[in-house]
Amino acid sequence: MKHTASRSWTRAATTLFACLLSVIALCVASDGSVPSVPWSAASPVTWSLFQCPPPADAIHRSEAAAIHMTIEWRASYSLISNGGDWAGYVQSVTVTNSMQPSLSWVVPGKATSSILEHEQAHFDLNEVFRRKLEALLPCLQAKHPTKQGAIDSLNDALHQRANEVLSELQVAQARYDAETRHGNDTAAQARWEAQIALWLLDPTAAH
């Protein structure tokens, strides 16, 4: 018996909190702008992807730009009757990390290469935790005397683990902005970029 569970997480760089969503809908804007762009090592972000007008108070904010990103995950799992118990196993996991150009903005006159590198690192940090989710979720199992109990137990375990990882991402993104002062501290920015590069190789070490 095959089941699925899914969850979404959205982060805008203008905020220091995450919003967990059960469903996220992305629509093509009336001007035909791209609704989402998946993370790709071969295709870093460009300023042309920051298509949202900045908020009215943007000129007074400490950040010059904001990249809006979404992590979505979906897991398929199977149930097997094993004697008197039911066992649930994860069959497959799909986790995506994308940015939304229609919700990402930059203050006119502040679209510098250094600020773009800072926003790219936000996206890269999201990718670290996408990979961490992709590595950890398949390891989950659940057993219960009843079939429905096994379904509920595995579903709860998936959501709990995903929420833990996404909460870690929330903290990491906030710490990144605070320590780099939104990219204005070049030494801290370099340290974070080096750390993110290491985490991309070993995402389970990220925290």
N, C-alpha and C. Protein backbone atom coordinates (compact mmCIF):
# COMPACT_ATOMS: atom_id res chain seq x y z
N MET A 1 0.85 -1.19 0.00
CA MET A 1 0.00 0.00 0.00
C MET A 1 0.89 1.24 0.00
N LYS A 2 0.63 2.13 -0.91
CA LYS A 2 1.49 3.30 -1.07
C LYS A 2 0.75 4.55 -0.65
N HIS A 3 1.43 5.41 0.10
CA HIS A 3 0.86 6.66 0.57
C HIS A 3 1.87 7.77 0.31
N THR A 4 1.43 9.00 0.43
CA THR A 4 2.33 10.13 0.27
C THR A 4 2.10 11.14 1.38
N ALA A 5 3.14 11.88 1.71
CA ALA A 5 3.04 13.00 2.64
C ALA A 5 3.85 14.13 2.05
N SER A 6 3.43 15.34 2.29
CA SER A 6 4.17 16.47 1.72
C SER A 6 4.09 17.67 2.64
N ARG A 7 5.00 18.62 2.41
CA ARG A 7 5.05 19.83 3.21
C ARG A 7 5.80 20.89 2.43
N SER A 8 5.53 22.14 2.72
CA SER A 8 6.23 23.24 2.07
C SER A 8 6.77 24.21 3.11
N TRP A 9 7.84 24.88 2.76
CA TRP A 9 8.42 25.91 3.62
C TRP A 9 8.79 27.09 2.75
N THR A 10 8.43 28.26 3.18
CA THR A 10 8.72 29.46 2.40
C THR A 10 9.51 30.44 3.25
N ARG A 11 10.55 31.00 2.68
CA ARG A 11 11.31 32.01 3.39
C ARG A 11 11.56 33.20 2.49
N ALA A 12 11.25 34.37 3.00
CA ALA A 12 11.61 35.60 2.32
C ALA A 12 12.74 36.24 3.10
N ALA A 13 13.75 36.74 2.41
CA ALA A 13 14.90 37.30 3.10
C ALA A 13 14.55 38.58 3.84
N THR A 14 13.36 39.12 3.64
CA THR A 14 12.96 40.32 4.35
C THR A 14 12.52 40.00 5.77
N THR A 15 12.37 38.72 6.11
CA THR A 15 11.90 38.35 7.43
C THR A 15 12.90 37.44 8.12
N LEU A 16 12.78 37.30 9.43
CA LEU A 16 13.64 36.42 10.19
C LEU A 16 12.84 35.27 10.77
N PHE A 17 11.74 34.92 10.12
CA PHE A 17 10.95 33.78 10.57
C PHE A 17 10.51 32.98 9.37
N ALA A 18 10.15 31.73 9.63
CA ALA A 18 9.68 30.85 8.57
C ALA A 18 8.20 30.62 8.73
N CYS A 19 7.55 30.32 7.64
CA CYS A 19 6.13 30.02 7.66
C CYS A 19 5.93 28.63 7.06
N LEU A 20 5.44 27.70 7.85
CA LEU A 20 5.17 26.36 7.37
C LEU A 20 3.80 26.31 6.73
N LEU A 21 3.74 25.78 5.54
CA LEU A 21 2.50 25.76 4.78
C LEU A 21 2.20 24.34 4.34
N SER A 22 0.95 23.97 4.39
CA SER A 22 0.58 22.65 3.90
C SER A 22 0.43 22.66 2.39
N VAL A 23 0.07 23.79 1.83
CA VAL A 23 -0.09 23.92 0.39
C VAL A 23 0.48 25.26 -0.02
N ILE A 24 1.19 25.29 -1.15
CA ILE A 24 1.65 26.56 -1.69
C ILE A 24 1.31 26.59 -3.17
N ALA A 25 0.68 27.67 -3.60
CA ALA A 25 0.30 27.81 -5.00
C ALA A 25 1.10 28.93 -5.62
N LEU A 26 1.72 28.67 -6.75
CA LEU A 26 2.49 29.67 -7.47
C LEU A 26 1.87 29.87 -8.84
N CYS A 27 1.55 31.08 -9.14
CA CYS A 27 0.88 31.38 -10.41
C CYS A 27 1.78 32.25 -11.28
N VAL A 28 1.63 32.09 -12.56
CA VAL A 28 2.37 32.94 -13.49
C VAL A 28 1.79 34.35 -13.41
N ALA A 29 2.66 35.33 -13.23
CA ALA A 29 2.20 36.70 -13.15
C ALA A 29 1.61 37.15 -14.47
N SER A 30 0.79 38.19 -14.39
CA SER A 30 0.10 38.67 -15.59
C SER A 30 1.07 39.17 -16.65
N ASP A 31 2.29 39.56 -16.21
CA ASP A 31 3.27 40.04 -17.19
C ASP A 31 4.12 38.91 -17.75
N GLY A 32 3.79 37.66 -17.39
CA GLY A 32 4.50 36.52 -17.92
C GLY A 32 5.79 36.19 -17.22
N SER A 33 6.06 36.79 -16.05
CA SER A 33 7.30 36.51 -15.34
C SER A 33 7.34 35.06 -14.86
N VAL A 34 8.54 34.56 -14.66
CA VAL A 34 8.73 33.16 -14.27
C VAL A 34 8.27 32.95 -12.84
N PRO A 35 7.40 31.96 -12.58
CA PRO A 35 6.88 31.77 -11.23
C PRO A 35 7.89 31.20 -10.26
N SER A 36 8.79 30.33 -10.72
CA SER A 36 9.79 29.75 -9.83
C SER A 36 11.00 29.30 -10.62
N VAL A 37 12.15 29.30 -9.96
CA VAL A 37 13.41 28.91 -10.59
C VAL A 37 14.10 27.92 -9.65
N PRO A 38 14.32 26.68 -10.07
CA PRO A 38 14.98 25.71 -9.21
C PRO A 38 16.45 26.05 -9.02
N TRP A 39 16.98 25.67 -7.85
CA TRP A 39 18.40 25.88 -7.59
C TRP A 39 19.23 25.04 -8.56
N SER A 40 20.32 25.63 -9.05
CA SER A 40 21.21 24.92 -9.95
C SER A 40 22.62 25.45 -9.77
N ALA A 41 23.57 24.55 -9.56
CA ALA A 41 24.96 24.96 -9.42
C ALA A 41 25.47 25.60 -10.70
N ALA A 42 24.91 25.19 -11.83
CA ALA A 42 25.35 25.69 -13.12
C ALA A 42 24.71 27.02 -13.50
N SER A 43 23.65 27.40 -12.79
CA SER A 43 22.92 28.62 -13.14
C SER A 43 22.67 29.48 -11.91
N PRO A 44 23.66 30.25 -11.49
CA PRO A 44 23.46 31.13 -10.34
C PRO A 44 22.42 32.20 -10.65
N VAL A 45 21.87 32.80 -9.61
CA VAL A 45 20.83 33.81 -9.80
C VAL A 45 21.43 35.06 -10.42
N THR A 46 20.60 35.80 -11.14
CA THR A 46 20.98 37.08 -11.72
C THR A 46 19.98 38.12 -11.26
N TRP A 47 20.35 39.38 -11.39
CA TRP A 47 19.44 40.44 -10.96
C TRP A 47 18.16 40.46 -11.78
N SER A 48 18.18 39.90 -12.97
CA SER A 48 16.97 39.87 -13.80
C SER A 48 15.87 39.02 -13.17
N LEU A 49 16.25 38.15 -12.22
CA LEU A 49 15.27 37.30 -11.56
C LEU A 49 14.60 38.00 -10.36
N PHE A 50 15.06 39.15 -9.99
CA PHE A 50 14.46 39.91 -8.88
C PHE A 50 13.45 40.87 -9.47
N GLN A 51 12.23 40.37 -9.67
CA GLN A 51 11.24 41.06 -10.49
C GLN A 51 10.16 41.80 -9.70
N CYS A 52 10.17 41.64 -8.38
CA CYS A 52 9.14 42.30 -7.57
C CYS A 52 9.58 43.72 -7.23
N PRO A 53 8.68 44.70 -7.30
CA PRO A 53 9.04 46.05 -6.85
C PRO A 53 9.38 46.01 -5.36
N PRO A 54 10.40 46.74 -4.91
CA PRO A 54 10.74 46.72 -3.49
C PRO A 54 9.64 47.35 -2.66
N PRO A 55 9.52 46.96 -1.39
CA PRO A 55 8.50 47.58 -0.53
C PRO A 55 8.76 49.06 -0.35
N ALA A 56 7.74 49.78 0.05
CA ALA A 56 7.84 51.24 0.14
C ALA A 56 8.92 51.70 1.10
N ASP A 57 9.16 50.90 2.16
CA ASP A 57 10.15 51.31 3.15
C ASP A 57 11.52 50.68 2.92
N ALA A 58 11.74 50.09 1.75
CA ALA A 58 12.98 49.35 1.48
C ALA A 58 14.21 50.23 1.64
N ILE A 59 14.10 51.49 1.27
CA ILE A 59 15.25 52.39 1.34
C ILE A 59 15.74 52.56 2.77
N HIS A 60 14.87 52.30 3.75
CA HIS A 60 15.23 52.46 5.15
C HIS A 60 15.65 51.15 5.81
N ARG A 61 15.61 50.06 5.08
CA ARG A 61 15.95 48.76 5.65
C ARG A 61 17.45 48.51 5.56
N SER A 62 17.91 47.57 6.39
CA SER A 62 19.34 47.24 6.38
C SER A 62 19.72 46.39 5.18
N GLU A 63 18.74 45.67 4.61
CA GLU A 63 19.04 44.84 3.44
C GLU A 63 18.70 45.57 2.16
N ALA A 64 19.52 45.37 1.14
CA ALA A 64 19.30 46.03 -0.14
C ALA A 64 18.48 45.18 -1.09
N ALA A 65 18.30 43.89 -0.75
CA ALA A 65 17.57 42.99 -1.63
C ALA A 65 16.99 41.86 -0.79
N ALA A 66 16.06 41.14 -1.39
CA ALA A 66 15.46 39.99 -0.71
C ALA A 66 15.14 38.91 -1.74
N ILE A 67 15.65 37.72 -1.49
CA ILE A 67 15.34 36.59 -2.35
C ILE A 67 14.28 35.75 -1.66
N HIS A 68 13.22 35.43 -2.37
CA HIS A 68 12.12 34.63 -1.82
C HIS A 68 12.28 33.21 -2.30
N MET A 69 12.36 32.27 -1.34
CA MET A 69 12.65 30.88 -1.67
C MET A 69 11.63 29.95 -1.03
N THR A 70 11.46 28.79 -1.64
CA THR A 70 10.53 27.78 -1.13
C THR A 70 11.18 26.41 -1.18
N ILE A 71 11.06 25.68 -0.07
CA ILE A 71 11.43 24.27 -0.05
C ILE A 71 10.14 23.47 0.07
N GLU A 72 9.98 22.50 -0.80
CA GLU A 72 8.82 21.61 -0.76
C GLU A 72 9.32 20.17 -0.71
N TRP A 73 8.65 19.34 0.08
CA TRP A 73 9.04 17.93 0.12
C TRP A 73 7.81 17.04 0.00
N ARG A 74 8.05 15.89 -0.57
CA ARG A 74 7.01 14.88 -0.71
C ARG A 74 7.63 13.51 -0.53
N ALA A 75 6.98 12.68 0.29
CA ALA A 75 7.49 11.33 0.55
C ALA A 75 6.42 10.31 0.23
N SER A 76 6.83 9.24 -0.40
CA SER A 76 5.95 8.09 -0.65
C SER A 76 6.39 6.96 0.27
N TYR A 77 5.43 6.28 0.87
CA TYR A 77 5.81 5.19 1.76
C TYR A 77 4.85 4.02 1.63
N SER A 78 5.35 2.84 2.00
CA SER A 78 4.59 1.61 1.88
C SER A 78 4.32 1.00 3.24
N LEU A 79 3.24 0.24 3.33
CA LEU A 79 2.87 -0.46 4.56
C LEU A 79 2.91 -1.95 4.31
N ILE A 80 3.50 -2.69 5.25
CA ILE A 80 3.62 -4.14 5.13
C ILE A 80 3.11 -4.78 6.42
N SER A 81 2.24 -5.78 6.27
CA SER A 81 1.77 -6.53 7.43
C SER A 81 2.82 -7.55 7.81
N ASN A 82 3.30 -7.46 9.04
CA ASN A 82 4.39 -8.32 9.49
C ASN A 82 3.94 -9.03 10.77
N GLY A 83 3.33 -10.20 10.61
CA GLY A 83 2.82 -10.91 11.77
C GLY A 83 1.64 -10.16 12.35
N GLY A 84 1.75 -9.76 13.60
CA GLY A 84 0.66 -9.03 14.23
C GLY A 84 0.77 -7.53 14.11
N ASP A 85 1.84 -7.04 13.49
CA ASP A 85 2.06 -5.59 13.39
C ASP A 85 2.06 -5.14 11.93
N TRP A 86 1.91 -3.82 11.79
CA TRP A 86 2.07 -3.18 10.49
C TRP A 86 3.34 -2.33 10.53
N ALA A 87 4.11 -2.39 9.47
CA ALA A 87 5.34 -1.62 9.38
C ALA A 87 5.27 -0.65 8.20
N GLY A 88 5.68 0.57 8.43
CA GLY A 88 5.70 1.59 7.38
C GLY A 88 7.13 1.94 7.00
N TYR A 89 7.42 1.97 5.72
CA TYR A 89 8.76 2.28 5.21
C TYR A 89 8.67 3.36 4.15
N VAL A 90 9.63 4.28 4.17
CA VAL A 90 9.68 5.32 3.15
C VAL A 90 10.22 4.72 1.86
N GLN A 91 9.49 4.88 0.77
CA GLN A 91 9.92 4.37 -0.54
C GLN A 91 10.73 5.39 -1.31
N SER A 92 10.27 6.62 -1.32
CA SER A 92 10.97 7.66 -2.08
C SER A 92 10.69 9.02 -1.47
N VAL A 93 11.62 9.93 -1.68
CA VAL A 93 11.49 11.30 -1.18
C VAL A 93 11.89 12.26 -2.29
N THR A 94 11.09 13.27 -2.50
CA THR A 94 11.41 14.33 -3.45
C THR A 94 11.40 15.66 -2.70
N VAL A 95 12.50 16.38 -2.77
CA VAL A 95 12.61 17.68 -2.10
C VAL A 95 13.09 18.69 -3.13
N THR A 96 12.40 19.81 -3.23
CA THR A 96 12.77 20.84 -4.20
C THR A 96 13.10 22.15 -3.48
N ASN A 97 13.97 22.91 -4.08
CA ASN A 97 14.39 24.22 -3.57
C ASN A 97 14.33 25.20 -4.73
N SER A 98 13.48 26.19 -4.63
CA SER A 98 13.32 27.13 -5.74
C SER A 98 13.16 28.55 -5.22
N MET A 99 13.44 29.51 -6.09
CA MET A 99 13.21 30.91 -5.76
C MET A 99 12.05 31.41 -6.60
N GLN A 100 11.36 32.42 -6.09
CA GLN A 100 10.23 33.01 -6.78
C GLN A 100 10.59 34.43 -7.22
N PRO A 101 10.90 34.61 -8.51
CA PRO A 101 11.27 35.94 -9.00
C PRO A 101 10.20 37.00 -8.74
N SER A 102 8.93 36.61 -8.86
CA SER A 102 7.86 37.60 -8.70
C SER A 102 7.74 38.11 -7.27
N LEU A 103 8.43 37.46 -6.32
CA LEU A 103 8.40 37.88 -4.92
C LEU A 103 9.76 38.35 -4.43
N SER A 104 10.76 38.35 -5.31
CA SER A 104 12.12 38.75 -4.94
C SER A 104 12.39 40.16 -5.46
N TRP A 105 13.09 40.98 -4.65
CA TRP A 105 13.25 42.38 -5.04
C TRP A 105 14.66 42.89 -4.71
N VAL A 106 15.01 44.01 -5.33
CA VAL A 106 16.25 44.71 -5.04
C VAL A 106 15.97 46.21 -5.11
N VAL A 107 16.57 46.95 -4.22
CA VAL A 107 16.41 48.40 -4.22
C VAL A 107 17.13 49.00 -5.42
N PRO A 108 16.48 49.83 -6.22
CA PRO A 108 17.14 50.44 -7.37
C PRO A 108 18.44 51.14 -6.96
N GLY A 109 19.48 50.91 -7.74
CA GLY A 109 20.77 51.52 -7.45
C GLY A 109 21.64 50.70 -6.52
N LYS A 110 21.10 49.60 -5.98
CA LYS A 110 21.88 48.79 -5.04
C LYS A 110 22.11 47.37 -5.56
N ALA A 111 21.90 47.17 -6.84
CA ALA A 111 22.07 45.84 -7.44
C ALA A 111 23.54 45.60 -7.76
N THR A 112 24.36 45.45 -6.70
CA THR A 112 25.79 45.25 -6.87
C THR A 112 26.13 43.76 -6.92
N SER A 113 27.32 43.46 -7.38
CA SER A 113 27.75 42.06 -7.46
C SER A 113 27.89 41.44 -6.07
N SER A 114 28.33 42.23 -5.08
CA SER A 114 28.51 41.69 -3.73
C SER A 114 27.16 41.36 -3.09
N ILE A 115 26.17 42.19 -3.31
CA ILE A 115 24.84 41.91 -2.77
C ILE A 115 24.23 40.69 -3.47
N LEU A 116 24.48 40.56 -4.77
CA LEU A 116 23.97 39.40 -5.49
C LEU A 116 24.61 38.12 -4.95
N GLU A 117 25.91 38.16 -4.63
CA GLU A 117 26.58 37.01 -4.04
C GLU A 117 25.96 36.65 -2.69
N HIS A 118 25.57 37.67 -1.92
CA HIS A 118 24.93 37.42 -0.63
C HIS A 118 23.59 36.71 -0.83
N GLU A 119 22.81 37.17 -1.80
CA GLU A 119 21.51 36.53 -2.07
C GLU A 119 21.69 35.12 -2.61
N GLN A 120 22.71 34.92 -3.44
CA GLN A 120 22.99 33.57 -3.94
C GLN A 120 23.32 32.62 -2.78
N ALA A 121 24.07 33.12 -1.81
CA ALA A 121 24.42 32.28 -0.67
C ALA A 121 23.19 31.92 0.16
N HIS A 122 22.19 32.81 0.23
CA HIS A 122 20.92 32.45 0.85
C HIS A 122 20.32 31.23 0.14
N PHE A 123 20.33 31.29 -1.18
CA PHE A 123 19.78 30.21 -1.99
C PHE A 123 20.60 28.93 -1.80
N ASP A 124 21.92 29.08 -1.74
CA ASP A 124 22.79 27.93 -1.52
C ASP A 124 22.54 27.30 -0.15
N LEU A 125 22.31 28.15 0.85
CA LEU A 125 22.03 27.64 2.20
C LEU A 125 20.71 26.87 2.21
N ASN A 126 19.74 27.36 1.48
CA ASN A 126 18.49 26.60 1.32
C ASN A 126 18.77 25.23 0.71
N GLU A 127 19.66 25.20 -0.28
CA GLU A 127 19.99 23.94 -0.94
C GLU A 127 20.65 22.96 0.02
N VAL A 128 21.47 23.46 0.92
CA VAL A 128 22.09 22.61 1.93
C VAL A 128 21.01 21.84 2.70
N PHE A 129 20.00 22.57 3.17
CA PHE A 129 18.97 21.93 3.98
C PHE A 129 17.99 21.12 3.14
N ARG A 130 17.86 21.46 1.86
CA ARG A 130 17.09 20.58 0.97
C ARG A 130 17.77 19.22 0.90
N ARG A 131 19.09 19.23 0.75
CA ARG A 131 19.84 17.98 0.68
C ARG A 131 19.80 17.23 2.01
N LYS A 132 19.79 17.99 3.11
CA LYS A 132 19.70 17.34 4.42
C LYS A 132 18.37 16.62 4.58
N LEU A 133 17.28 17.28 4.16
CA LEU A 133 15.98 16.62 4.18
C LEU A 133 15.98 15.37 3.31
N GLU A 134 16.55 15.50 2.14
CA GLU A 134 16.58 14.39 1.19
C GLU A 134 17.37 13.21 1.75
N ALA A 135 18.35 13.49 2.60
CA ALA A 135 19.17 12.43 3.19
C ALA A 135 18.50 11.79 4.40
N LEU A 136 17.77 12.58 5.20
CA LEU A 136 17.25 12.08 6.47
C LEU A 136 15.87 11.44 6.37
N LEU A 137 15.01 11.97 5.53
CA LEU A 137 13.64 11.46 5.49
C LEU A 137 13.54 9.99 5.08
N PRO A 138 14.35 9.51 4.13
CA PRO A 138 14.22 8.09 3.74
C PRO A 138 14.58 7.11 4.85
N CYS A 139 15.23 7.57 5.91
CA CYS A 139 15.66 6.67 6.98
C CYS A 139 14.53 6.34 7.97
N LEU A 140 13.41 7.02 7.86
CA LEU A 140 12.36 6.87 8.86
C LEU A 140 11.52 5.61 8.63
N GLN A 141 11.12 4.98 9.74
CA GLN A 141 10.25 3.82 9.72
C GLN A 141 9.27 3.94 10.88
N ALA A 142 8.22 3.13 10.84
CA ALA A 142 7.25 3.12 11.94
C ALA A 142 6.58 1.76 12.01
N LYS A 143 6.27 1.34 13.23
CA LYS A 143 5.53 0.09 13.44
C LYS A 143 4.37 0.34 14.38
N HIS A 144 3.27 -0.39 14.14
CA HIS A 144 2.08 -0.22 14.97
C HIS A 144 1.20 -1.47 14.83
N PRO A 145 0.45 -1.80 15.87
CA PRO A 145 -0.43 -2.97 15.76
C PRO A 145 -1.50 -2.84 14.69
N THR A 146 -1.87 -1.60 14.32
CA THR A 146 -2.90 -1.42 13.31
C THR A 146 -2.34 -0.71 12.09
N LYS A 147 -2.99 -0.94 10.96
CA LYS A 147 -2.55 -0.30 9.71
C LYS A 147 -2.64 1.22 9.81
N GLN A 148 -3.78 1.72 10.30
CA GLN A 148 -3.94 3.17 10.40
C GLN A 148 -2.94 3.76 11.38
N GLY A 149 -2.65 3.00 12.45
CA GLY A 149 -1.67 3.48 13.41
C GLY A 149 -0.29 3.61 12.79
N ALA A 150 0.06 2.66 11.92
CA ALA A 150 1.35 2.72 11.23
C ALA A 150 1.40 3.91 10.28
N ILE A 151 0.29 4.15 9.58
CA ILE A 151 0.22 5.31 8.69
C ILE A 151 0.42 6.60 9.48
N ASP A 152 -0.34 6.71 10.57
CA ASP A 152 -0.26 7.94 11.38
C ASP A 152 1.12 8.12 11.99
N SER A 153 1.71 7.03 12.47
CA SER A 153 3.02 7.12 13.11
C SER A 153 4.10 7.55 12.14
N LEU A 154 4.09 6.95 10.93
CA LEU A 154 5.10 7.31 9.94
C LEU A 154 4.88 8.73 9.43
N ASN A 155 3.63 9.10 9.22
CA ASN A 155 3.32 10.46 8.78
C ASN A 155 3.79 11.48 9.81
N ASP A 156 3.52 11.18 11.10
CA ASP A 156 3.96 12.08 12.16
C ASP A 156 5.48 12.18 12.21
N ALA A 157 6.15 11.04 12.02
CA ALA A 157 7.61 11.03 12.06
C ALA A 157 8.20 11.84 10.91
N LEU A 158 7.61 11.71 9.74
CA LEU A 158 8.07 12.47 8.57
C LEU A 158 7.93 13.97 8.82
N HIS A 159 6.75 14.38 9.29
CA HIS A 159 6.53 15.80 9.51
C HIS A 159 7.39 16.34 10.65
N GLN A 160 7.57 15.54 11.69
CA GLN A 160 8.40 16.00 12.79
C GLN A 160 9.84 16.21 12.35
N ARG A 161 10.40 15.23 11.63
CA ARG A 161 11.77 15.36 11.16
C ARG A 161 11.91 16.53 10.18
N ALA A 162 10.96 16.68 9.26
CA ALA A 162 11.02 17.78 8.30
C ALA A 162 10.94 19.12 9.02
N ASN A 163 10.05 19.22 9.99
CA ASN A 163 9.91 20.48 10.72
C ASN A 163 11.18 20.81 11.51
N GLU A 164 11.84 19.78 12.04
CA GLU A 164 13.10 20.00 12.76
C GLU A 164 14.17 20.56 11.82
N VAL A 165 14.28 19.97 10.64
CA VAL A 165 15.29 20.42 9.68
C VAL A 165 14.97 21.82 9.18
N LEU A 166 13.71 22.09 8.91
CA LEU A 166 13.33 23.41 8.41
C LEU A 166 13.47 24.48 9.49
N SER A 167 13.29 24.09 10.74
CA SER A 167 13.54 25.03 11.84
C SER A 167 15.02 25.36 11.93
N GLU A 168 15.87 24.34 11.72
CA GLU A 168 17.31 24.58 11.68
C GLU A 168 17.66 25.54 10.54
N LEU A 169 17.01 25.37 9.42
CA LEU A 169 17.24 26.26 8.27
C LEU A 169 16.85 27.69 8.62
N GLN A 170 15.73 27.86 9.28
CA GLN A 170 15.27 29.18 9.70
C GLN A 170 16.33 29.87 10.55
N VAL A 171 16.87 29.14 11.53
CA VAL A 171 17.89 29.70 12.42
C VAL A 171 19.16 30.02 11.64
N ALA A 172 19.57 29.11 10.74
CA ALA A 172 20.79 29.33 9.96
C ALA A 172 20.68 30.54 9.05
N GLN A 173 19.52 30.71 8.41
CA GLN A 173 19.33 31.86 7.53
C GLN A 173 19.39 33.17 8.33
N ALA A 174 18.76 33.18 9.50
CA ALA A 174 18.78 34.38 10.33
C ALA A 174 20.19 34.69 10.82
N ARG A 175 20.92 33.63 11.22
CA ARG A 175 22.29 33.82 11.70
C ARG A 175 23.19 34.32 10.58
N TYR A 176 22.99 33.79 9.38
CA TYR A 176 23.76 34.23 8.22
C TYR A 176 23.58 35.72 7.98
N ASP A 177 22.34 36.19 7.98
CA ASP A 177 22.09 37.62 7.77
C ASP A 177 22.68 38.47 8.89
N ALA A 178 22.53 37.99 10.14
CA ALA A 178 23.02 38.77 11.28
C ALA A 178 24.54 38.88 11.27
N GLU A 179 25.22 37.75 11.05
CA GLU A 179 26.68 37.75 11.12
C GLU A 179 27.33 38.46 9.94
N THR A 180 26.70 38.41 8.78
CA THR A 180 27.27 39.11 7.61
C THR A 180 26.75 40.53 7.48
N ARG A 181 25.81 40.89 8.34
CA ARG A 181 25.13 42.19 8.24
C ARG A 181 24.58 42.38 6.83
N HIS A 182 23.82 41.37 6.41
CA HIS A 182 23.19 41.36 5.08
C HIS A 182 24.21 41.53 3.96
N GLY A 183 25.39 40.95 4.16
CA GLY A 183 26.42 40.98 3.12
C GLY A 183 27.37 42.15 3.21
N ASN A 184 27.20 43.02 4.19
CA ASN A 184 28.04 44.21 4.30
C ASN A 184 29.37 43.93 5.01
N ASP A 185 29.47 42.83 5.73
CA ASP A 185 30.71 42.43 6.38
C ASP A 185 31.39 41.43 5.46
N THR A 186 32.37 41.86 4.71
CA THR A 186 32.97 41.02 3.67
C THR A 186 33.71 39.81 4.25
N ALA A 187 34.34 39.98 5.40
CA ALA A 187 35.06 38.86 6.01
C ALA A 187 34.08 37.78 6.46
N ALA A 188 33.01 38.20 7.12
CA ALA A 188 31.99 37.24 7.57
C ALA A 188 31.30 36.59 6.37
N GLN A 189 31.10 37.36 5.33
CA GLN A 189 30.47 36.81 4.12
C GLN A 189 31.34 35.70 3.53
N ALA A 190 32.64 35.93 3.48
CA ALA A 190 33.56 34.92 2.94
C ALA A 190 33.56 33.66 3.81
N ARG A 191 33.52 33.85 5.13
CA ARG A 191 33.49 32.69 6.03
C ARG A 191 32.22 31.87 5.82
N TRP A 192 31.10 32.54 5.68
CA TRP A 192 29.83 31.83 5.47
C TRP A 192 29.82 31.10 4.13
N GLU A 193 30.33 31.75 3.09
CA GLU A 193 30.35 31.09 1.78
C GLU A 193 31.21 29.83 1.82
N ALA A 194 32.33 29.89 2.55
CA ALA A 194 33.18 28.71 2.68
C ALA A 194 32.47 27.61 3.47
N GLN A 195 31.75 27.99 4.52
CA GLN A 195 31.03 27.01 5.32
C GLN A 195 29.90 26.36 4.52
N ILE A 196 29.17 27.18 3.78
CA ILE A 196 28.07 26.66 2.96
C ILE A 196 28.61 25.68 1.91
N ALA A 197 29.76 26.00 1.33
CA ALA A 197 30.36 25.10 0.34
C ALA A 197 30.67 23.74 0.95
N LEU A 198 31.15 23.73 2.19
CA LEU A 198 31.43 22.47 2.87
C LEU A 198 30.13 21.73 3.18
N TRP A 199 29.13 22.44 3.63
CA TRP A 199 27.84 21.82 3.94
C TRP A 199 27.17 21.23 2.71
N LEU A 200 27.38 21.84 1.56
CA LEU A 200 26.81 21.28 0.33
C LEU A 200 27.39 19.90 0.05
N LEU A 201 28.61 19.68 0.47
CA LEU A 201 29.25 18.37 0.30
C LEU A 201 28.79 17.39 1.37
N ASP A 202 28.49 17.89 2.56
CA ASP A 202 28.05 17.05 3.68
C ASP A 202 26.88 17.73 4.37
N PRO A 203 25.70 17.70 3.76
CA PRO A 203 24.56 18.45 4.29
C PRO A 203 24.09 17.99 5.68
N THR A 204 24.33 16.74 6.04
CA THR A 204 23.87 16.30 7.35
C THR A 204 24.65 16.96 8.49
N ALA A 205 25.79 17.58 8.17
CA ALA A 205 26.57 18.30 9.17
C ALA A 205 26.07 19.72 9.41
N ALA A 206 25.18 20.18 8.56
CA ALA A 206 24.67 21.55 8.65
C ALA A 206 23.80 21.73 9.89
N HIS A 207 23.90 22.92 10.46
CA HIS A 207 23.11 23.23 11.66
C HIS A 207 22.85 24.73 11.73
